[in-house]
């Protein structure tokens, strides 16, 4: 068959067939008396092989080696192709994310587009100062999309920059709390902690719901941050976790302060005092834990807490008894 028929059957243009021939990939089986290229069925099969390997991303040079070198092993080449493809997908995904963020900023003109691009680049800068400036300037006429701020906040290791990012997130509007709540499920402990710290500074009801859910998180650090945040918001859901923190000695002073904030009425104060007394009575409570629980009673107003301190002033544990007696004197002096 002549080159036109070959092109029709193989789906490869005559121009490309000539190019393959110039590279030595395909050679016509013969020539007609007039000098025209003549191909056979074996040539078509080779074309199909070439096109199949091209579909995998192989270069024409690599295809020539693959087809003509009997000792050529595909494993290493396929491994390189996998790596290159992953890198290309990652680069394209990063570009797509950047474009979506620019679109979400709803720029009015190219100046706005450039402003968002500059801020996005600064958020990913190696310079902590640049990242901080970007966070502080992100709340402007053309704000950075909230998902970019969340991504930056969850990956930030510098405490000053992290504080600036949390400030920006708290002023970013809707959407941030939901994305931060997803960060609580991260397999990386540091990411979970950054997520709950950021949620703690978000003012909306969605953030409060995320913090309540965080009370059941498997990570004790996450539970602690959530309980402290909820306690300062006056939400009693945090009480059991705050008591756990006192028993375990994790931010126990802050936990006791949060309990005193929650004890803002007689009924709640008595409930908290009763809970602390119950924890004191548990056989598993160690001496140091009993001391911390006794100290926590100092910030709880009401007669129930006072009676508990009176009883504890006679406790068999001398340290607990002395602490309770001292706290009683302070209460009487007020």
C-alpha atoms as a PDB file:
ATOM      1  CA  UNK A   1       0.000   0.000   0.000  1.00  0.00           C
ATOM      2  CA  UNK A   2       1.142   3.547  -0.658  1.00  0.00           C
ATOM      3  CA  UNK A   3       1.611   6.244   1.957  1.00  0.00           C
ATOM      4  CA  UNK A   4      -1.908   7.655   1.528  1.00  0.00           C
ATOM      5  CA  UNK A   5      -3.500   4.266   2.215  1.00  0.00           C
ATOM      6  CA  UNK A   6      -1.107   3.736   5.124  1.00  0.00           C
ATOM      7  CA  UNK A   7      -2.147   7.074   6.618  1.00  0.00           C
ATOM      8  CA  UNK A   8      -5.830   6.214   6.232  1.00  0.00           C
ATOM      9  CA  UNK A   9      -5.515   2.798   7.869  1.00  0.00           C
ATOM     10  CA  UNK A  10      -3.196   3.812  10.694  1.00  0.00           C
ATOM     11  CA  UNK A  11      -4.731   7.209  11.460  1.00  0.00           C
ATOM     12  CA  UNK A  12      -1.263   8.795  11.288  1.00  0.00           C
ATOM     13  CA  UNK A  13      -0.794  11.599   8.778  1.00  0.00           C
ATOM     14  CA  UNK A  14       1.508  11.200   5.772  1.00  0.00           C
ATOM     15  CA  UNK A  15       3.599  14.070   7.113  1.00  0.00           C
ATOM     16  CA  UNK A  16       4.081  12.271  10.440  1.00  0.00           C
ATOM     17  CA  UNK A  17       4.905   9.008   8.648  1.00  0.00           C
ATOM     18  CA  UNK A  18       7.684  10.808   6.792  1.00  0.00           C
ATOM     19  CA  UNK A  19       8.904  12.255  10.101  1.00  0.00           C
ATOM     20  CA  UNK A  20       8.962   8.774  11.662  1.00  0.00           C
ATOM     21  CA  UNK A  21      10.922   7.552   8.659  1.00  0.00           C
ATOM     22  CA  UNK A  22      13.462  10.371   9.042  1.00  0.00           C
ATOM     23  CA  UNK A  23      14.010   9.257  12.662  1.00  0.00           C
ATOM     24  CA  UNK A  24      14.342   5.607  11.662  1.00  0.00           C
ATOM     25  CA  UNK A  25      11.212   4.557  13.549  1.00  0.00           C
ATOM     26  CA  UNK A  26       9.339   3.221  10.508  1.00  0.00           C
ATOM     27  CA  UNK A  27      10.845   2.286   7.185  1.00  0.00           C
ATOM     28  CA  UNK A  28       8.701   1.425   4.169  1.00  0.00           C
ATOM     29  CA  UNK A  29       8.978  -2.226   3.198  1.00  0.00           C
ATOM     30  CA  UNK A  30       9.867  -1.199  -0.336  1.00  0.00           C
ATOM     31  CA  UNK A  31       9.467   1.237  -3.203  1.00  0.00           C
ATOM     32  CA  UNK A  32       7.326   1.094  -6.316  1.00  0.00           C
ATOM     33  CA  UNK A  33       8.818   1.297  -9.738  1.00  0.00           C
ATOM     34  CA  UNK A  34       8.071   5.010  -9.668  1.00  0.00           C
ATOM     35  CA  UNK A  35       9.877   5.426  -6.314  1.00  0.00           C
ATOM     36  CA  UNK A  36       6.818   5.767  -4.108  1.00  0.00           C
ATOM     37  CA  UNK A  37       6.969   4.363  -0.551  1.00  0.00           C
ATOM     38  CA  UNK A  38       5.250   1.021  -0.170  1.00  0.00           C
ATOM     39  CA  UNK A  39       4.080  -0.345   3.175  1.00  0.00           C
ATOM     40  CA  UNK A  40       2.897  -3.752   4.371  1.00  0.00           C
ATOM     41  CA  UNK A  41       0.824  -5.104   7.261  1.00  0.00           C
ATOM     42  CA  UNK A  42       3.902  -5.386   9.494  1.00  0.00           C
ATOM     43  CA  UNK A  43       4.548  -1.668   9.019  1.00  0.00           C
ATOM     44  CA  UNK A  44       1.000  -0.890  10.214  1.00  0.00           C
ATOM     45  CA  UNK A  45       1.550  -2.989  13.339  1.00  0.00           C
ATOM     46  CA  UNK A  46       4.742  -1.051  14.081  1.00  0.00           C
ATOM     47  CA  UNK A  47       2.884   2.245  13.681  1.00  0.00           C
ATOM     48  CA  UNK A  48       0.250   1.036  16.150  1.00  0.00           C
ATOM     49  CA  UNK A  49       3.040   0.119  18.602  1.00  0.00           C
ATOM     50  CA  UNK A  50       4.606   3.557  18.220  1.00  0.00           C
ATOM     51  CA  UNK A  51       1.289   5.329  18.827  1.00  0.00           C
ATOM     52  CA  UNK A  52       0.530   3.132  21.844  1.00  0.00           C
ATOM     53  CA  UNK A  53       3.861   3.992  23.453  1.00  0.00           C
ATOM     54  CA  UNK A  54       3.386   7.694  22.636  1.00  0.00           C
ATOM     55  CA  UNK A  55       0.091   7.561  24.559  1.00  0.00           C
ATOM     56  CA  UNK A  56       2.115   6.631  27.671  1.00  0.00           C
ATOM     57  CA  UNK A  57       4.210   9.766  27.345  1.00  0.00           C
ATOM     58  CA  UNK A  58       7.364   8.204  25.900  1.00  0.00           C
ATOM     59  CA  UNK A  59       9.507  10.364  23.648  1.00  0.00           C
ATOM     60  CA  UNK A  60      10.161   9.205  20.065  1.00  0.00           C
ATOM     61  CA  UNK A  61      13.753   8.458  21.042  1.00  0.00           C
ATOM     62  CA  UNK A  62      12.584   6.264  23.933  1.00  0.00           C
ATOM     63  CA  UNK A  63      10.090   4.541  21.635  1.00  0.00           C
ATOM     64  CA  UNK A  64      12.867   3.698  19.184  1.00  0.00           C
ATOM     65  CA  UNK A  65      14.896   2.105  21.975  1.00  0.00           C
ATOM     66  CA  UNK A  66      11.898   0.226  23.299  1.00  0.00           C
ATOM     67  CA  UNK A  67      11.103  -1.291  19.880  1.00  0.00           C
ATOM     68  CA  UNK A  68      14.610  -1.983  18.580  1.00  0.00           C
ATOM     69  CA  UNK A  69      16.794  -2.750  21.623  1.00  0.00           C
ATOM     70  CA  UNK A  70      16.238  -6.391  22.753  1.00  0.00           C
ATOM     71  CA  UNK A  71      17.918  -5.652  26.091  1.00  0.00           C
ATOM     72  CA  UNK A  72      15.822  -2.612  26.866  1.00  0.00           C
ATOM     73  CA  UNK A  73      13.864  -3.103  30.107  1.00  0.00           C
ATOM     74  CA  UNK A  74      10.678  -1.074  30.551  1.00  0.00           C
ATOM     75  CA  UNK A  75      10.540  -1.066  34.374  1.00  0.00           C
ATOM     76  CA  UNK A  76      12.915   1.858  34.973  1.00  0.00           C
ATOM     77  CA  UNK A  77      11.382   3.934  32.196  1.00  0.00           C
ATOM     78  CA  UNK A  78       7.839   3.301  33.432  1.00  0.00           C
ATOM     79  CA  UNK A  79       8.933   4.315  36.934  1.00  0.00           C
ATOM     80  CA  UNK A  80      10.316   7.588  35.570  1.00  0.00           C
ATOM     81  CA  UNK A  81       7.088   8.190  33.661  1.00  0.00           C
ATOM     82  CA  UNK A  82       5.066   7.671  36.843  1.00  0.00           C
ATOM     83  CA  UNK A  83       7.245  10.173  38.725  1.00  0.00           C
ATOM     84  CA  UNK A  84       7.085  12.740  35.915  1.00  0.00           C
ATOM     85  CA  UNK A  85       3.316  12.344  35.632  1.00  0.00           C
ATOM     86  CA  UNK A  86       2.841  12.833  39.365  1.00  0.00           C
ATOM     87  CA  UNK A  87       4.972  15.973  39.266  1.00  0.00           C
ATOM     88  CA  UNK A  88       2.996  17.292  36.316  1.00  0.00           C
ATOM     89  CA  UNK A  89      -0.341  16.554  38.023  1.00  0.00           C
ATOM     90  CA  UNK A  90       0.866  18.264  41.215  1.00  0.00           C
ATOM     91  CA  UNK A  91       1.926  21.338  39.258  1.00  0.00           C
ATOM     92  CA  UNK A  92      -1.365  21.466  37.359  1.00  0.00           C
ATOM     93  CA  UNK A  93      -3.347  20.964  40.560  1.00  0.00           C
ATOM     94  CA  UNK A  94      -1.459  23.815  42.220  1.00  0.00           C
ATOM     95  CA  UNK A  95      -2.182  26.046  39.240  1.00  0.00           C
ATOM     96  CA  UNK A  96      -5.876  25.093  39.294  1.00  0.00           C
ATOM     97  CA  UNK A  97      -6.083  25.888  43.012  1.00  0.00           C
ATOM     98  CA  UNK A  98      -4.456  29.282  42.454  1.00  0.00           C
ATOM     99  CA  UNK A  99      -6.835  30.113  39.614  1.00  0.00           C
ATOM    100  CA  UNK A 100      -9.869  29.107  41.684  1.00  0.00           C
ATOM    101  CA  UNK A 101      -8.696  31.304  44.540  1.00  0.00           C
ATOM    102  CA  UNK A 102      -8.271  34.264  42.228  1.00  0.00           C
ATOM    103  CA  UNK A 103     -11.735  33.629  40.836  1.00  0.00           C
ATOM    104  CA  UNK A 104     -13.184  33.405  44.360  1.00  0.00           C
ATOM    105  CA  UNK A 105     -11.756  36.842  45.139  1.00  0.00           C
ATOM    106  CA  UNK A 106     -14.014  38.212  42.373  1.00  0.00           C
ATOM    107  CA  UNK A 107     -11.429  40.666  41.029  1.00  0.00           C
ATOM    108  CA  UNK A 108     -12.779  43.753  39.296  1.00  0.00           C
ATOM    109  CA  UNK A 109      -9.716  44.189  37.103  1.00  0.00           C
ATOM    110  CA  UNK A 110      -6.183  43.032  36.453  1.00  0.00           C
ATOM    111  CA  UNK A 111      -4.848  45.161  39.303  1.00  0.00           C
ATOM    112  CA  UNK A 112      -7.007  43.138  41.684  1.00  0.00           C
ATOM    113  CA  UNK A 113      -5.823  39.888  40.086  1.00  0.00           C
ATOM    114  CA  UNK A 114      -2.191  40.913  40.554  1.00  0.00           C
ATOM    115  CA  UNK A 115      -2.861  41.927  44.158  1.00  0.00           C
ATOM    116  CA  UNK A 116      -4.317  38.506  44.968  1.00  0.00           C
ATOM    117  CA  UNK A 117      -1.428  36.744  43.213  1.00  0.00           C
ATOM    118  CA  UNK A 118       1.112  38.761  45.221  1.00  0.00           C
ATOM    119  CA  UNK A 119      -0.658  37.963  48.502  1.00  0.00           C
ATOM    120  CA  UNK A 120      -0.913  34.268  47.677  1.00  0.00           C
ATOM    121  CA  UNK A 121       2.772  34.141  46.836  1.00  0.00           C
ATOM    122  CA  UNK A 122       3.639  35.986  50.043  1.00  0.00           C
ATOM    123  CA  UNK A 123       1.628  33.528  52.141  1.00  0.00           C
ATOM    124  CA  UNK A 124       3.864  30.772  50.785  1.00  0.00           C
ATOM    125  CA  UNK A 125       7.080  32.729  51.226  1.00  0.00           C
ATOM    126  CA  UNK A 126      10.035  31.310  53.154  1.00  0.00           C
ATOM    127  CA  UNK A 127      10.228  34.637  55.012  1.00  0.00           C
ATOM    128  CA  UNK A 128       8.159  34.777  58.194  1.00  0.00           C
ATOM    129  CA  UNK A 129       7.991  38.576  57.912  1.00  0.00           C
ATOM    130  CA  UNK A 130       6.557  38.319  54.394  1.00  0.00           C
ATOM    131  CA  UNK A 131       3.976  35.768  55.524  1.00  0.00           C
ATOM    132  CA  UNK A 132       2.969  37.972  58.458  1.00  0.00           C
ATOM    133  CA  UNK A 133       2.580  41.050  56.262  1.00  0.00           C
ATOM    134  CA  UNK A 134       0.475  39.041  53.813  1.00  0.00           C
ATOM    135  CA  UNK A 135      -1.776  37.799  56.630  1.00  0.00           C
ATOM    136  CA  UNK A 136      -2.278  41.293  58.037  1.00  0.00           C
ATOM    137  CA  UNK A 137      -2.976  42.807  54.627  1.00  0.00           C
ATOM    138  CA  UNK A 138      -5.267  39.994  53.477  1.00  0.00           C
ATOM    139  CA  UNK A 139      -8.298  41.712  55.008  1.00  0.00           C
ATOM    140  CA  UNK A 140      -8.695  44.459  52.437  1.00  0.00           C
ATOM    141  CA  UNK A 141     -10.640  45.568  49.417  1.00  0.00           C
ATOM    142  CA  UNK A 142      -9.637  42.377  47.585  1.00  0.00           C
ATOM    143  CA  UNK A 143      -9.288  39.823  50.396  1.00  0.00           C
ATOM    144  CA  UNK A 144      -7.436  36.526  50.065  1.00  0.00           C
ATOM    145  CA  UNK A 145      -9.872  33.595  49.682  1.00  0.00           C
ATOM    146  CA  UNK A 146     -10.578  31.935  53.000  1.00  0.00           C
ATOM    147  CA  UNK A 147      -9.332  28.491  51.919  1.00  0.00           C
ATOM    148  CA  UNK A 148      -5.886  30.002  51.249  1.00  0.00           C
ATOM    149  CA  UNK A 149      -5.845  31.508  54.744  1.00  0.00           C
ATOM    150  CA  UNK A 150      -6.910  28.186  56.276  1.00  0.00           C
ATOM    151  CA  UNK A 151      -4.225  26.301  54.365  1.00  0.00           C
ATOM    152  CA  UNK A 152      -1.624  28.814  55.546  1.00  0.00           C
ATOM    153  CA  UNK A 153      -2.853  28.699  59.152  1.00  0.00           C
ATOM    154  CA  UNK A 154      -2.770  24.897  59.291  1.00  0.00           C
ATOM    155  CA  UNK A 155       0.810  24.762  58.015  1.00  0.00           C
ATOM    156  CA  UNK A 156       2.298  27.774  59.836  1.00  0.00           C
ATOM    157  CA  UNK A 157       5.016  26.980  62.401  1.00  0.00           C
ATOM    158  CA  UNK A 158       5.982  30.512  63.416  1.00  0.00           C
ATOM    159  CA  UNK A 159       3.802  31.521  66.414  1.00  0.00           C
ATOM    160  CA  UNK A 160       3.730  35.225  65.499  1.00  0.00           C
ATOM    161  CA  UNK A 161       2.685  34.542  61.917  1.00  0.00           C
ATOM    162  CA  UNK A 162       0.166  31.957  63.141  1.00  0.00           C
ATOM    163  CA  UNK A 163      -1.410  34.616  65.367  1.00  0.00           C
ATOM    164  CA  UNK A 164      -1.698  37.006  62.427  1.00  0.00           C
ATOM    165  CA  UNK A 165      -3.313  34.301  60.306  1.00  0.00           C
ATOM    166  CA  UNK A 166      -5.839  33.497  63.034  1.00  0.00           C
ATOM    167  CA  UNK A 167      -6.652  37.208  63.260  1.00  0.00           C
ATOM    168  CA  UNK A 168      -7.203  37.336  59.499  1.00  0.00           C
ATOM    169  CA  UNK A 169      -9.357  34.212  59.573  1.00  0.00           C
ATOM    170  CA  UNK A 170     -11.554  35.615  62.328  1.00  0.00           C
ATOM    171  CA  UNK A 171     -12.327  38.545  60.022  1.00  0.00           C
ATOM    172  CA  UNK A 172     -12.629  36.585  56.811  1.00  0.00           C
ATOM    173  CA  UNK A 173     -16.369  35.888  56.907  1.00  0.00           C
ATOM    174  CA  UNK A 174     -18.138  32.616  56.187  1.00  0.00           C
ATOM    175  CA  UNK A 175     -16.504  29.333  55.281  1.00  0.00           C
ATOM    176  CA  UNK A 176     -13.390  29.343  57.428  1.00  0.00           C
ATOM    177  CA  UNK A 177     -14.859  27.465  60.386  1.00  0.00           C
ATOM    178  CA  UNK A 178     -15.996  24.533  58.265  1.00  0.00           C
ATOM    179  CA  UNK A 179     -12.576  24.184  56.657  1.00  0.00           C
ATOM    180  CA  UNK A 180     -10.830  24.418  60.015  1.00  0.00           C
ATOM    181  CA  UNK A 181     -13.114  21.722  61.422  1.00  0.00           C
ATOM    182  CA  UNK A 182     -11.875  19.423  58.662  1.00  0.00           C
ATOM    183  CA  UNK A 183      -8.350  20.067  59.936  1.00  0.00           C
ATOM    184  CA  UNK A 184      -9.315  18.498  63.272  1.00  0.00           C
ATOM    185  CA  UNK A 185      -9.369  15.145  61.459  1.00  0.00           C
ATOM    186  CA  UNK A 186      -5.823  15.481  60.156  1.00  0.00           C
ATOM    187  CA  UNK A 187      -3.464  12.567  60.924  1.00  0.00           C
ATOM    188  CA  UNK A 188      -0.829  15.162  61.909  1.00  0.00           C
ATOM    189  CA  UNK A 189      -1.065  16.256  65.554  1.00  0.00           C
ATOM    190  CA  UNK A 190       0.404  19.717  64.887  1.00  0.00           C
ATOM    191  CA  UNK A 191      -2.204  20.397  62.199  1.00  0.00           C
ATOM    192  CA  UNK A 192      -5.024  19.348  64.536  1.00  0.00           C
ATOM    193  CA  UNK A 193      -3.728  21.709  67.215  1.00  0.00           C
ATOM    194  CA  UNK A 194      -3.462  24.623  64.780  1.00  0.00           C
ATOM    195  CA  UNK A 195      -6.990  23.914  63.572  1.00  0.00           C
ATOM    196  CA  UNK A 196      -8.530  23.998  67.047  1.00  0.00           C
ATOM    197  CA  UNK A 197      -6.533  27.103  68.022  1.00  0.00           C
ATOM    198  CA  UNK A 198      -7.841  28.883  64.930  1.00  0.00           C
ATOM    199  CA  UNK A 199     -11.407  27.716  65.597  1.00  0.00           C
ATOM    200  CA  UNK A 200     -11.133  29.084  69.125  1.00  0.00           C
ATOM    201  CA  UNK A 201     -10.734  32.605  67.683  1.00  0.00           C
ATOM    202  CA  UNK A 202     -13.549  32.343  65.148  1.00  0.00           C
ATOM    203  CA  UNK A 203     -16.613  34.244  66.405  1.00  0.00           C
ATOM    204  CA  UNK A 204     -19.398  32.426  64.539  1.00  0.00           C
ATOM    205  CA  UNK A 205     -21.814  29.717  65.670  1.00  0.00           C
ATOM    206  CA  UNK A 206     -20.280  27.259  63.212  1.00  0.00           C
ATOM    207  CA  UNK A 207     -16.962  27.574  65.038  1.00  0.00           C
ATOM    208  CA  UNK A 208     -18.697  26.886  68.362  1.00  0.00           C
ATOM    209  CA  UNK A 209     -20.265  23.756  66.864  1.00  0.00           C
ATOM    210  CA  UNK A 210     -16.845  22.637  65.645  1.00  0.00           C
ATOM    211  CA  UNK A 211     -15.390  23.182  69.109  1.00  0.00           C
ATOM    212  CA  UNK A 212     -18.180  21.113  70.682  1.00  0.00           C
ATOM    213  CA  UNK A 213     -17.407  18.289  68.270  1.00  0.00           C
ATOM    214  CA  UNK A 214     -13.729  18.638  69.176  1.00  0.00           C
ATOM    215  CA  UNK A 215     -14.545  17.728  72.792  1.00  0.00           C
ATOM    216  CA  UNK A 216     -14.885  14.141  71.542  1.00  0.00           C
ATOM    217  CA  UNK A 217     -11.640  14.224  69.545  1.00  0.00           C
ATOM    218  CA  UNK A 218      -9.179  11.406  70.226  1.00  0.00           C
ATOM    219  CA  UNK A 219      -6.423  13.989  70.723  1.00  0.00           C
ATOM    220  CA  UNK A 220      -6.274  15.240  74.310  1.00  0.00           C
ATOM    221  CA  UNK A 221      -4.564  18.470  73.202  1.00  0.00           C
ATOM    222  CA  UNK A 222      -7.433  19.223  70.832  1.00  0.00           C
ATOM    223  CA  UNK A 223     -10.007  18.469  73.530  1.00  0.00           C
ATOM    224  CA  UNK A 224      -8.193  20.790  75.921  1.00  0.00           C
ATOM    225  CA  UNK A 225      -8.059  23.759  73.554  1.00  0.00           C
ATOM    226  CA  UNK A 226     -11.716  23.250  72.650  1.00  0.00           C
ATOM    227  CA  UNK A 227     -12.795  23.074  76.299  1.00  0.00           C
ATOM    228  CA  UNK A 228     -10.917  26.248  77.230  1.00  0.00           C
ATOM    229  CA  UNK A 229     -12.418  28.116  74.281  1.00  0.00           C
ATOM    230  CA  UNK A 230     -15.930  26.936  75.067  1.00  0.00           C
ATOM    231  CA  UNK A 231     -15.479  27.699  78.761  1.00  0.00           C
ATOM    232  CA  UNK A 232     -14.575  31.313  78.055  1.00  0.00           C
ATOM    233  CA  UNK A 233     -17.703  31.503  75.876  1.00  0.00           C
ATOM    234  CA  UNK A 234     -19.810  30.347  78.823  1.00  0.00           C
ATOM    235  CA  UNK A 235     -20.731  26.960  77.333  1.00  0.00           C
ATOM    236  CA  UNK A 236     -21.219  24.266  79.959  1.00  0.00           C
ATOM    237  CA  UNK A 237     -20.486  21.459  77.473  1.00  0.00           C
ATOM    238  CA  UNK A 238     -16.841  22.019  78.377  1.00  0.00           C
ATOM    239  CA  UNK A 239     -17.151  21.208  82.095  1.00  0.00           C
ATOM    240  CA  UNK A 240     -16.311  17.451  82.008  1.00  0.00           C
ATOM    241  CA  UNK A 241     -13.242  18.028  79.826  1.00  0.00           C
ATOM    242  CA  UNK A 242     -12.076  20.918  81.989  1.00  0.00           C
ATOM    243  CA  UNK A 243     -12.276  18.656  85.036  1.00  0.00           C
ATOM    244  CA  UNK A 244     -10.327  15.973  83.167  1.00  0.00           C
ATOM    245  CA  UNK A 245      -7.625  18.548  82.476  1.00  0.00           C
ATOM    246  CA  UNK A 246      -7.392  19.409  86.162  1.00  0.00           C
ATOM    247  CA  UNK A 247      -7.126  15.747  87.150  1.00  0.00           C
ATOM    248  CA  UNK A 248      -4.499  15.051  84.484  1.00  0.00           C
ATOM    249  CA  UNK A 249      -2.540  18.247  85.132  1.00  0.00           C
ATOM    250  CA  UNK A 250      -2.895  19.573  81.566  1.00  0.00           C
ATOM    251  CA  UNK A 251      -3.271  23.374  81.615  1.00  0.00           C
ATOM    252  CA  UNK A 252      -5.008  22.818  84.937  1.00  0.00           C
ATOM    253  CA  UNK A 253      -4.747  26.464  86.015  1.00  0.00           C
ATOM    254  CA  UNK A 254      -6.422  27.654  82.804  1.00  0.00           C
ATOM    255  CA  UNK A 255      -9.023  24.907  83.160  1.00  0.00           C
ATOM    256  CA  UNK A 256      -9.810  26.007  86.725  1.00  0.00           C
ATOM    257  CA  UNK A 257     -10.142  29.620  85.554  1.00  0.00           C
ATOM    258  CA  UNK A 258     -12.560  28.498  82.823  1.00  0.00           C
ATOM    259  CA  UNK A 259     -14.658  26.638  85.401  1.00  0.00           C
ATOM    260  CA  UNK A 260     -14.857  29.774  87.527  1.00  0.00           C
ATOM    261  CA  UNK A 261     -16.106  31.704  84.469  1.00  0.00           C
ATOM    262  CA  UNK A 262     -18.793  29.057  83.903  1.00  0.00           C
ATOM    263  CA  UNK A 263     -19.889  29.216  87.570  1.00  0.00           C
ATOM    264  CA  UNK A 264     -21.781  32.432  86.904  1.00  0.00           C
ATOM    265  CA  UNK A 265     -24.988  31.451  88.690  1.00  0.00           C
ATOM    266  CA  UNK A 266     -25.787  29.501  91.829  1.00  0.00           C
ATOM    267  CA  UNK A 267     -27.130  26.389  90.102  1.00  0.00           C
ATOM    268  CA  UNK A 268     -24.156  26.045  87.767  1.00  0.00           C
ATOM    269  CA  UNK A 269     -21.678  26.814  90.543  1.00  0.00           C
ATOM    270  CA  UNK A 270     -23.194  24.070  92.733  1.00  0.00           C
ATOM    271  CA  UNK A 271     -23.086  21.589  89.841  1.00  0.00           C
ATOM    272  CA  UNK A 272     -19.432  22.317  89.206  1.00  0.00           C
ATOM    273  CA  UNK A 273     -18.597  22.084  92.914  1.00  0.00           C
ATOM    274  CA  UNK A 274     -20.423  18.733  93.114  1.00  0.00           C
ATOM    275  CA  UNK A 275     -18.489  17.474  90.096  1.00  0.00           C
ATOM    276  CA  UNK A 276     -15.144  18.484  91.621  1.00  0.00           C
ATOM    277  CA  UNK A 277     -16.049  16.760  94.900  1.00  0.00           C
ATOM    278  CA  UNK A 278     -17.009  13.581  93.041  1.00  0.00           C
ATOM    279  CA  UNK A 279     -13.655  13.597  91.270  1.00  0.00           C
ATOM    280  CA  UNK A 280     -11.928  14.043  94.633  1.00  0.00           C
ATOM    281  CA  UNK A 281     -13.774  11.018  96.030  1.00  0.00           C
ATOM    282  CA  UNK A 282     -12.719   8.670  93.223  1.00  0.00           C
ATOM    283  CA  UNK A 283     -10.232   6.010  94.302  1.00  0.00           C
ATOM    284  CA  UNK A 284      -8.195   6.610  91.152  1.00  0.00           C
ATOM    285  CA  UNK A 285      -7.499  10.256  92.057  1.00  0.00           C
ATOM    286  CA  UNK A 286      -3.798  10.633  92.855  1.00  0.00           C
ATOM    287  CA  UNK A 287      -2.578  12.940  95.612  1.00  0.00           C
ATOM    288  CA  UNK A 288      -1.413  15.623  93.166  1.00  0.00           C
ATOM    289  CA  UNK A 289      -4.737  15.461  91.319  1.00  0.00           C
ATOM    290  CA  UNK A 290      -6.662  15.824  94.583  1.00  0.00           C
ATOM    291  CA  UNK A 291      -4.608  18.907  95.369  1.00  0.00           C
ATOM    292  CA  UNK A 292      -5.422  20.473  92.012  1.00  0.00           C
ATOM    293  CA  UNK A 293      -9.126  19.675  92.380  1.00  0.00           C
ATOM    294  CA  UNK A 294      -9.131  21.286  95.832  1.00  0.00           C
ATOM    295  CA  UNK A 295      -7.478  24.430  94.443  1.00  0.00           C
ATOM    296  CA  UNK A 296     -10.080  24.538  91.663  1.00  0.00           C
ATOM    297  CA  UNK A 297     -12.812  24.824  94.273  1.00  0.00           C
ATOM    298  CA  UNK A 298     -11.360  28.215  95.237  1.00  0.00           C
ATOM    299  CA  UNK A 299     -12.782  29.835  92.123  1.00  0.00           C
ATOM    300  CA  UNK A 300     -16.265  28.383  92.517  1.00  0.00           C
ATOM    301  CA  UNK A 301     -18.685  30.587  94.470  1.00  0.00           C
ATOM    302  CA  UNK A 302     -21.571  29.330  96.605  1.00  0.00           C
ATOM    303  CA  UNK A 303     -22.286  27.309  99.683  1.00  0.00           C
ATOM    304  CA  UNK A 304     -21.692  23.930  98.030  1.00  0.00           C
ATOM    305  CA  UNK A 305     -18.064  24.786  97.322  1.00  0.00           C
ATOM    306  CA  UNK A 306     -17.623  26.252 100.819  1.00  0.00           C
ATOM    307  CA  UNK A 307     -18.998  23.087 102.469  1.00  0.00           C
ATOM    308  CA  UNK A 308     -16.714  20.976 100.324  1.00  0.00           C
ATOM    309  CA  UNK A 309     -13.688  23.000 101.438  1.00  0.00           C
ATOM    310  CA  UNK A 310     -14.745  22.655 105.091  1.00  0.00           C
ATOM    311  CA  UNK A 311     -14.898  18.879 104.711  1.00  0.00           C
ATOM    312  CA  UNK A 312     -11.569  18.799 102.880  1.00  0.00           C
ATOM    313  CA  UNK A 313      -9.905  20.829 105.648  1.00  0.00           C
ATOM    314  CA  UNK A 314     -10.224  17.603 107.708  1.00  0.00           C
ATOM    315  CA  UNK A 315      -8.945  15.360 104.908  1.00  0.00           C
ATOM    316  CA  UNK A 316      -6.479  12.584 105.760  1.00  0.00           C
ATOM    317  CA  UNK A 317      -4.168  13.961 103.097  1.00  0.00           C
ATOM    318  CA  UNK A 318      -2.381  16.731 104.988  1.00  0.00           C
ATOM    319  CA  UNK A 319      -1.560  18.719 101.825  1.00  0.00           C
ATOM    320  CA  UNK A 320      -5.216  18.698 100.763  1.00  0.00           C
ATOM    321  CA  UNK A 321      -6.358  19.631 104.288  1.00  0.00           C
ATOM    322  CA  UNK A 322      -3.934  22.568 104.536  1.00  0.00           C
ATOM    323  CA  UNK A 323      -4.888  23.822 101.055  1.00  0.00           C
ATOM    324  CA  UNK A 324      -8.601  23.621 101.871  1.00  0.00           C
ATOM    325  CA  UNK A 325      -8.128  25.428 105.197  1.00  0.00           C
ATOM    326  CA  UNK A 326      -6.149  28.201 103.529  1.00  0.00           C
ATOM    327  CA  UNK A 327      -8.778  28.628 100.812  1.00  0.00           C
ATOM    328  CA  UNK A 328     -11.515  28.812 103.442  1.00  0.00           C
ATOM    329  CA  UNK A 329      -9.698  31.647 105.221  1.00  0.00           C
ATOM    330  CA  UNK A 330      -9.430  33.515 101.936  1.00  0.00           C
ATOM    331  CA  UNK A 331     -13.151  33.080 101.299  1.00  0.00           C
ATOM    332  CA  UNK A 332     -13.996  34.299 104.807  1.00  0.00           C
ATOM    333  CA  UNK A 333     -11.788  37.354 104.332  1.00  0.00           C
ATOM    334  CA  UNK A 334     -13.707  38.524 101.238  1.00  0.00           C
END
